[in-house]
Amino acid sequence: MEAKLKKELGTSVLKSTGHAGGGCISEGQSYETDTGRVFVKINRKSEAKRMFDGEMASLEAIFKTKTVKVPKPIKVVELDKGGCVFVMEHLDMNGLNNRFSKQLGEQLADLHLHNKRLMGNQQKEQQTVGKGAGQSEAAAVEKFGFDVATCCGYLPQENEWQDDWVSFYCQHRLQHQLNLVEKSYGDREARDLWAQLQLKVPQFFTDVEIFPALLHGDLWGGNVAECPEGPVIFDPASFYGHSEYELGIAGMFGGFNSSFYSAYHDKIPKAPGFSERNQLYQLFHYLNHWNHFGVGYRGSSVRIMKNLLK
C-alpha cells in the first residue's frame, strides 16, 4: 500500500507518524510526505471506492463554501489487492471545547445559508441590466440531491436530483431505509406504520419555506472536533437538503451544547413544527442504525413512527 501511495502522491517520503484513528467503518493513519503531513483512511471492502468518492466530493463541496473548516481532500487511490484509501490534509484535532461550540453553530448556519445566498445573488444578477446570469463565483443549486452517491456509514444514499424536498426525503431516505429493513427483517409492524406515516408526512411541512442547503449529512458528536484555528467537521455524507435535517442526528447522541444551538438558531430560527420534523429526521438515522447494527435500533424507529402518527 505504501509504495502505491508514494507513487500516486508523487512523494519520495512516506513515513508513518504513529498518529492513528478510525471508527467502525474505516481505519486511519497519518504520514509525513515531501509536502507535509497527510491523513489516510483505509478500507478493504469492495464498496470502499464509492464510499470514499462520495466523501471526497462532500469535503470538496463544503471546503469551497469557506464557511466551516474541513480537512482538505487530496486523492482517492484504489489498492492493487482490493479496497481503497482516501488521502486528505492532516489536522491536529482534539475534542470540541465549549469555547468553540458557539462558533461551530454560527459556521454551520453559514454553511446551510450559503446556497440560499448564491440563489439571491443569482436573482439580483438576472435583474441587473447589462449583466447576465452566471457571473457569480459559483452557481446556485436549485434542486435537492447531490452529483454523486454518498454513504451515511457504509450504506449508499440515493441522491438523484428532485425538485421537491418532501418527495426526495420520503423516497430517497425513508423508503430506501425501510426497503432495506424489509429485505433483512421482514418487519410487518414497521411496514404498516410507514404505510400510514408516509400519507401524513406532507402535513409536517405546511407553510414551511425550504431551500436546498448543503449539508454535512452525518453531523453527530463523533464527527466534530477542534484544531488551533477553531471547529472542524469531518466524515461527511453530503447532499443538498432541508437545513433542519442536519439537526436530527445532532440531537441523538449528545456532543452539542446550548451555545451551539443558540448560535445556530440566531441565524436560522426554528420554524413552526420544528419538533415534529426533527423526529422525522431522526427516524432516518435510527433506521440507518438498524440496518447497520441490528435490531437494537428497532424500538426507537418504531417509537418515532408511532409518535408521529398520534
Protein backbone atom coordinates (compact mmCIF):
# COMPACT_ATOMS: atom_id res chain seq x y z
CA MET A 1 0.00 0.00 0.00
CA GLU A 2 2.72 2.48 0.93
CA ALA A 3 4.58 2.00 -2.37
CA LYS A 4 1.35 2.71 -4.26
CA LEU A 5 0.70 5.78 -2.14
CA LYS A 6 4.19 7.18 -2.75
CA LYS A 7 3.68 6.82 -6.48
CA GLU A 8 0.17 8.32 -6.50
CA LEU A 9 1.18 11.26 -4.31
CA GLY A 10 4.47 11.86 -6.13
CA THR A 11 6.43 11.88 -2.89
CA SER A 12 9.83 10.41 -2.05
CA VAL A 13 8.97 10.43 1.67
CA LEU A 14 6.09 8.49 3.21
CA LYS A 15 6.77 7.98 6.89
CA SER A 16 4.17 6.92 9.43
CA THR A 17 3.86 9.43 12.26
CA GLY A 18 2.27 7.00 14.68
CA HIS A 19 -0.96 9.00 14.72
CA ALA A 20 -3.76 6.53 14.05
CA GLY A 21 -7.52 6.84 14.09
CA GLY A 22 -10.70 5.48 12.66
CA GLY A 23 -14.17 4.33 13.55
CA CYS A 24 -16.43 1.38 12.95
CA ILE A 25 -16.14 1.74 9.15
CA SER A 26 -12.52 2.59 8.25
CA GLU A 27 -9.10 2.80 9.87
CA GLY A 28 -6.76 5.76 9.54
CA GLN A 29 -3.07 6.62 9.67
CA SER A 30 -1.02 9.84 9.37
CA TYR A 31 2.11 10.07 7.22
CA GLU A 32 4.83 12.62 6.60
CA THR A 33 5.38 13.42 2.89
CA ASP A 34 7.53 15.78 0.84
CA THR A 35 4.79 18.41 1.07
CA GLY A 36 3.66 17.95 4.66
CA ARG A 37 1.56 15.61 6.75
CA VAL A 38 -1.45 13.75 5.34
CA PHE A 39 -4.14 11.58 6.88
CA VAL A 40 -5.00 8.35 5.08
CA LYS A 41 -8.27 6.49 5.57
CA ILE A 42 -8.11 2.80 4.64
CA ASN A 43 -10.96 0.45 3.80
CA ARG A 44 -10.51 -3.03 2.33
CA LYS A 45 -14.14 -3.61 1.30
CA SER A 46 -15.20 -3.77 -2.35
CA GLU A 47 -17.54 -0.77 -1.84
CA ALA A 48 -14.72 1.43 -0.48
CA LYS A 49 -14.18 3.47 -3.66
CA ARG A 50 -17.83 4.51 -3.87
CA MET A 51 -17.77 5.47 -0.21
CA PHE A 52 -14.55 7.48 -0.47
CA ASP A 53 -15.53 9.14 -3.77
CA GLY A 54 -18.67 10.38 -2.02
CA GLU A 55 -16.73 11.60 0.99
CA MET A 56 -14.21 13.41 -1.19
CA ALA A 57 -16.97 15.14 -3.18
CA SER A 58 -18.63 16.10 0.12
CA LEU A 59 -15.45 17.61 1.57
CA GLU A 60 -14.76 19.46 -1.68
CA ALA A 61 -18.24 20.97 -1.69
CA ILE A 62 -18.04 22.11 1.95
CA PHE A 63 -14.45 23.35 1.52
CA LYS A 64 -15.48 25.59 -1.39
CA THR A 65 -18.08 27.41 0.71
CA LYS A 66 -15.36 28.77 3.07
CA THR A 67 -17.85 28.63 5.94
CA VAL A 68 -16.68 25.85 8.27
CA LYS A 69 -13.32 24.09 8.38
CA VAL A 70 -12.97 20.58 6.96
CA PRO A 71 -9.84 18.58 6.11
CA LYS A 72 -8.84 19.45 2.56
CA PRO A 73 -9.33 16.35 0.38
CA ILE A 74 -6.40 15.25 -1.77
CA LYS A 75 -6.95 11.93 -3.57
CA VAL A 76 -8.81 8.61 -3.62
CA VAL A 77 -6.49 5.71 -4.52
CA GLU A 78 -7.55 2.17 -5.36
CA LEU A 79 -5.31 -0.54 -3.90
CA ASP A 80 -3.89 -3.30 -6.06
CA LYS A 81 -5.13 -6.07 -3.77
CA GLY A 82 -8.60 -4.66 -3.27
CA GLY A 83 -10.04 -1.84 -1.23
CA CYS A 84 -9.22 1.81 -1.35
CA VAL A 85 -7.58 4.67 0.53
CA PHE A 86 -8.59 8.30 0.84
CA VAL A 87 -5.83 10.86 1.34
CA MET A 88 -6.61 14.21 2.93
CA GLU A 89 -4.97 17.03 4.83
CA HIS A 90 -3.83 16.08 8.33
CA LEU A 91 -5.25 18.31 11.05
CA ASP A 92 -4.21 18.24 14.71
CA MET A 93 -7.63 17.74 16.26
CA ASN A 94 -8.97 17.47 19.81
CA GLY A 95 -12.47 17.08 21.19
CA LEU A 96 -14.68 20.12 20.65
CA ASN A 97 -14.33 22.51 23.58
CA ASN A 98 -17.18 24.68 24.84
CA ARG A 99 -15.33 27.81 23.68
CA PHE A 100 -15.73 26.72 20.06
CA SER A 101 -19.30 25.39 20.29
CA LYS A 102 -20.86 28.79 19.61
CA GLN A 103 -18.54 29.31 16.66
CA LEU A 104 -19.49 25.92 15.22
CA GLY A 105 -23.18 26.81 15.49
CA GLU A 106 -22.58 30.06 13.61
CA GLN A 107 -20.45 28.40 10.95
CA LEU A 108 -22.87 25.52 10.42
CA ALA A 109 -25.68 28.04 9.87
CA ASP A 110 -23.44 29.86 7.39
CA LEU A 111 -22.89 26.57 5.55
CA HIS A 112 -26.64 25.98 5.38
CA LEU A 113 -27.30 29.55 4.20
CA HIS A 114 -24.50 29.57 1.62
CA ASN A 115 -26.58 28.24 -1.27
CA LYS A 116 -29.53 30.48 -0.39
CA ARG A 117 -27.20 33.47 -0.64
CA LEU A 118 -25.96 32.24 -4.00
CA MET A 119 -29.58 31.95 -5.15
CA GLY A 120 -30.24 35.51 -4.02
CA ASN A 121 -27.13 36.81 -5.79
CA GLN A 122 -28.10 34.95 -8.94
CA GLN A 123 -31.57 36.53 -8.94
CA LYS A 124 -30.07 40.00 -8.49
CA GLU A 125 -27.70 39.42 -11.40
CA GLN A 126 -30.55 38.33 -13.64
CA GLN A 127 -32.40 41.54 -12.80
CA THR A 128 -29.38 43.79 -13.41
CA VAL A 129 -29.27 45.44 -16.82
CA GLY A 130 -26.11 44.62 -18.73
CA LYS A 131 -25.11 41.70 -16.55
CA GLY A 132 -26.35 38.23 -17.31
CA ALA A 133 -26.74 35.23 -15.08
CA GLY A 134 -23.75 33.10 -14.19
CA GLN A 135 -21.39 35.94 -13.26
CA SER A 136 -21.12 34.99 -9.59
CA GLU A 137 -18.27 32.83 -8.26
CA ALA A 138 -20.42 29.69 -8.03
CA ALA A 139 -23.72 28.57 -9.47
CA ALA A 140 -26.63 28.15 -7.08
CA VAL A 141 -28.21 24.71 -6.69
CA GLU A 142 -31.99 24.74 -7.11
CA LYS A 143 -32.84 21.07 -6.53
CA PHE A 144 -32.42 18.51 -3.76
CA GLY A 145 -29.80 15.78 -4.11
CA PHE A 146 -26.12 15.54 -5.00
CA ASP A 147 -23.98 14.80 -8.05
CA VAL A 148 -22.59 11.54 -6.64
CA ALA A 149 -23.68 8.83 -4.22
CA THR A 150 -22.64 9.48 -0.64
CA CYS A 151 -22.61 6.98 2.21
CA CYS A 152 -24.01 7.50 5.71
CA GLY A 153 -21.92 4.81 7.36
CA TYR A 154 -21.20 2.27 4.64
CA LEU A 155 -24.69 2.26 3.08
CA PRO A 156 -25.03 4.37 -0.08
CA GLN A 157 -27.61 7.13 -0.17
CA GLU A 158 -29.78 7.72 -3.22
CA ASN A 159 -29.03 11.31 -4.25
CA GLU A 160 -30.83 11.65 -7.58
CA TRP A 161 -31.91 15.26 -8.01
CA GLN A 162 -35.53 16.16 -7.28
CA ASP A 163 -37.45 19.44 -7.27
CA ASP A 164 -39.50 18.64 -4.16
CA TRP A 165 -37.90 18.07 -0.75
CA VAL A 166 -40.74 16.06 0.78
CA SER A 167 -40.69 13.63 -2.16
CA PHE A 168 -36.91 13.41 -2.02
CA TYR A 169 -36.86 12.69 1.70
CA CYS A 170 -39.68 10.15 1.64
CA GLN A 171 -38.39 8.25 -1.39
CA HIS A 172 -34.61 8.54 -1.22
CA ARG A 173 -34.16 8.46 2.54
CA LEU A 174 -37.03 6.84 4.48
CA GLN A 175 -38.40 4.49 1.82
CA HIS A 176 -34.89 3.36 0.89
CA GLN A 177 -34.06 2.52 4.51
CA LEU A 178 -37.38 0.76 5.05
CA ASN A 179 -36.79 -1.31 1.91
CA LEU A 180 -33.52 -2.49 3.49
CA VAL A 181 -35.32 -3.27 6.76
CA GLU A 182 -37.94 -5.24 4.82
CA LYS A 183 -35.26 -7.18 2.95
CA SER A 184 -33.33 -8.09 6.10
CA TYR A 185 -36.07 -8.47 8.71
CA GLY A 186 -39.50 -8.52 7.02
CA ASP A 187 -40.82 -6.43 9.89
CA ARG A 188 -44.60 -6.19 9.47
CA GLU A 189 -45.14 -3.53 12.14
CA ALA A 190 -42.55 -1.19 10.62
CA ARG A 191 -44.05 -1.74 7.18
CA ASP A 192 -47.60 -1.00 8.38
CA LEU A 193 -46.55 2.09 10.34
CA TRP A 194 -44.71 3.51 7.33
CA ALA A 195 -47.74 2.88 5.09
CA GLN A 196 -49.70 5.19 7.39
CA LEU A 197 -46.94 7.71 8.10
CA GLN A 198 -46.00 8.42 4.52
CA LEU A 199 -49.52 9.75 3.92
CA LYS A 200 -49.10 12.18 6.82
CA VAL A 201 -45.57 13.42 6.09
CA PRO A 202 -46.62 16.37 3.86
CA GLN A 203 -48.60 17.80 6.81
CA PHE A 204 -45.37 18.37 8.73
CA PHE A 205 -44.19 20.80 6.04
CA THR A 206 -47.24 23.06 5.75
CA ASP A 207 -46.22 26.72 5.28
CA VAL A 208 -42.51 25.92 5.70
CA GLU A 209 -40.11 27.56 3.25
CA ILE A 210 -37.45 25.06 2.22
CA PHE A 211 -34.48 25.86 0.03
CA PRO A 212 -31.66 23.45 -0.90
CA ALA A 213 -28.92 23.73 1.72
CA LEU A 214 -25.56 21.99 1.50
CA LEU A 215 -25.50 19.56 4.43
CA HIS A 216 -22.73 17.66 6.18
CA GLY A 217 -25.27 14.83 6.36
CA ASP A 218 -23.94 12.87 9.36
CA LEU A 219 -23.21 15.53 11.96
CA TRP A 220 -23.07 13.66 15.26
CA GLY A 221 -20.65 14.40 18.08
CA GLY A 222 -18.06 11.93 16.76
CA ASN A 223 -17.68 13.88 13.51
CA VAL A 224 -16.82 17.26 15.04
CA ALA A 225 -13.61 18.42 16.70
CA GLU A 226 -11.41 21.46 17.07
CA CYS A 227 -7.97 22.44 15.85
CA PRO A 228 -5.98 25.54 16.81
CA GLU A 229 -7.90 27.64 14.24
CA GLY A 230 -11.35 26.64 15.52
CA PRO A 231 -14.01 23.96 14.98
CA VAL A 232 -13.66 21.21 12.37
CA ILE A 233 -16.24 18.85 10.87
CA PHE A 234 -15.31 15.67 9.01
CA ASP A 235 -16.60 12.31 7.70
CA PRO A 236 -19.45 13.97 5.76
CA ALA A 237 -22.24 12.31 3.75
CA SER A 238 -23.29 15.47 1.95
CA PHE A 239 -26.23 16.39 -0.22
CA TYR A 240 -28.49 19.40 -0.75
CA GLY A 241 -31.49 19.13 1.55
CA HIS A 242 -33.53 20.88 4.24
CA SER A 243 -31.26 22.58 6.77
CA GLU A 244 -33.28 21.12 9.67
CA TYR A 245 -32.28 17.61 8.59
CA GLU A 246 -28.77 18.29 9.93
CA LEU A 247 -30.04 18.71 13.47
CA GLY A 248 -31.70 15.29 13.55
CA ILE A 249 -28.67 13.16 14.34
CA ALA A 250 -27.01 16.09 16.15
CA GLY A 251 -29.58 15.69 18.91
CA MET A 252 -29.48 11.90 19.16
CA PHE A 253 -26.14 11.14 20.78
CA GLY A 254 -25.12 14.37 22.53
CA GLY A 255 -21.95 16.36 21.91
CA PHE A 256 -23.59 19.73 21.19
CA ASN A 257 -24.34 22.20 23.97
CA SER A 258 -26.88 25.02 24.26
CA SER A 259 -24.47 27.66 22.92
CA PHE A 260 -24.16 25.69 19.67
CA TYR A 261 -27.92 25.58 19.19
CA SER A 262 -28.45 29.21 20.25
CA ALA A 263 -25.84 30.46 17.80
CA TYR A 264 -27.28 28.32 15.02
CA HIS A 265 -30.88 29.42 15.59
CA ASP A 266 -29.89 33.07 15.83
CA LYS A 267 -29.12 32.77 12.12
CA ILE A 268 -31.73 30.14 11.19
CA PRO A 269 -34.70 30.45 13.57
CA LYS A 270 -36.88 27.42 14.28
CA ALA A 271 -39.92 27.27 12.00
CA PRO A 272 -43.34 26.14 13.30
CA GLY A 273 -43.49 22.35 13.58
CA PHE A 274 -39.73 22.01 14.10
CA SER A 275 -40.01 19.36 16.84
CA GLU A 276 -42.13 17.00 14.73
CA ARG A 277 -39.84 17.37 11.74
CA ASN A 278 -36.84 16.81 14.00
CA GLN A 279 -38.31 13.43 14.97
CA LEU A 280 -38.98 12.70 11.31
CA TYR A 281 -35.32 13.39 10.50
CA GLN A 282 -34.13 11.29 13.44
CA LEU A 283 -36.22 8.44 12.03
CA PHE A 284 -33.85 8.15 9.07
CA HIS A 285 -30.84 7.80 11.35
CA TYR A 286 -32.49 5.23 13.62
CA LEU A 287 -33.47 3.19 10.55
CA ASN A 288 -29.95 3.57 9.18
CA HIS A 289 -28.52 2.36 12.51
CA TRP A 290 -30.98 -0.56 12.45
CA ASN A 291 -29.66 -1.51 9.02
CA HIS A 292 -26.04 -1.10 10.12
CA PHE A 293 -26.03 -2.51 13.64
CA GLY A 294 -29.15 -4.63 14.07
CA VAL A 295 -32.41 -4.80 15.96
CA GLY A 296 -31.19 -2.78 18.93
CA TYR A 297 -32.39 0.28 16.99
CA ARG A 298 -35.76 -1.20 16.02
CA GLY A 299 -37.53 0.10 19.14
CA SER A 300 -36.52 3.71 18.54
CA SER A 301 -37.54 3.52 14.88
CA VAL A 302 -40.99 2.12 15.71
CA ARG A 303 -41.49 4.55 18.62
CA ILE A 304 -40.87 7.59 16.43
CA MET A 305 -43.31 6.40 13.76
CA LYS A 306 -45.98 5.83 16.42
CA ASN A 307 -45.35 9.27 17.96
CA LEU A 308 -45.66 11.00 14.60
CA LEU A 309 -48.94 9.20 13.88
CA LYS A 310 -50.61 10.44 17.09
